[in-house]
Amino acid sequence: MTRYRVVHRTDYRYADEVEASYGHAHLLPREHAHQRIEATDLTIEPVPGDRRDRLDFFGNRATYFSIHDPHRRLTVTSTSIVEVDDPGAAAAPALPLAWEDAAARTREAADAAGIEARGFVLDSPLVQASAQLREYAGPSFTPGRDLRDAARDLCSRIHHDFEFDASATDVSTTIEEVFDVRRGVCQDFAHLAIGCLRSLGLAARYVSGYLETDPPPGEPRLQGADVSHAWFGLYVPGAGWLDLDPTNDQLVGDRHVTTGWGRDYSDIAPLKGIIFTEGESHELSVEVDVVRIGD
């Protein structure tokens, strides 16, 4: 078990006065089998006239807010203390499961977990199955190959075939465009993997979170620290979800802090909204700090 303090600060400075702001945030971590929440706090400045905290469709912690007082700056800061376990440390030895059998079992599932997972086989706003994605996945998902081995191989191939480049893409970049430029960021690589898996009839979800900022002695610094991070989860019938990080070519472990999950980035964006202003520009700064405070 590893304990972290996570601080995520987003600061908007507007060129002109903003008459009203409406925002929706996914900035507070959620609990799951390998993560426990000790404390959380979300502060918004200016103080919203209306704020509503809720659980979204996927069970993630979400906050809606609106500010109707004129302002030229908006600052949203989340602070959390979380405990994270390494999923692999307690995992039982996995029995082989051919990926074709996994797809069939997901398609035919009658249990609650399987029925819920089936929703993650479908296309979503930012990820659609395609012949191109199925073809790219092909060398990893050979006939009869074990699902976990195939997924690890796909994760590794994406890591080696696509270059991490924070300037190459933005939140509107499509998977097809990522294929063309062969570079992108964690969001792009997660979407790419999810699209490949769904193109094979497998259930895959987008996971948003953070990475430890400064690694302990002897451990490498992971790509994607200091900002929000993203990876993907693969549904393994009978065993649950297996999370993999293609940006760093590894299974997700106790250096990853989970905020939440959805079908793709659009379901779990850290912060989005609209403003009413005559100004035409703004400055945005985002700071993320994930500090280990105990084991």
Foldseek 3Di string as FASTA:
>chain_A
DFKKKKKKKKKKFFPFKFQKWKKKFLAAADDDPFKDWDDKDKDKPPHFPDKDWDQDPQRFIMMIGMHRHIDRMIMIMMITMMFGFFVVVPDDDDDFDQLLNQLVCLVPPDDPQSVVLLVQLAADPQAHADPVLQVLLDVLRDGRHGPVSSLLVLLQCLQVQAAEDDPLDDPPDHLVNCVVVRYYHQQNSQRSSSNNQSNSNWGKKKWKWAFAQDDDPPDDGAPPHFHIHIWMWTQGPPRGIWTARSNRSGTDTRRTGTSGIDSGCVVHPRMDIDTDDPTDDMDMDMTMHMHTDGD
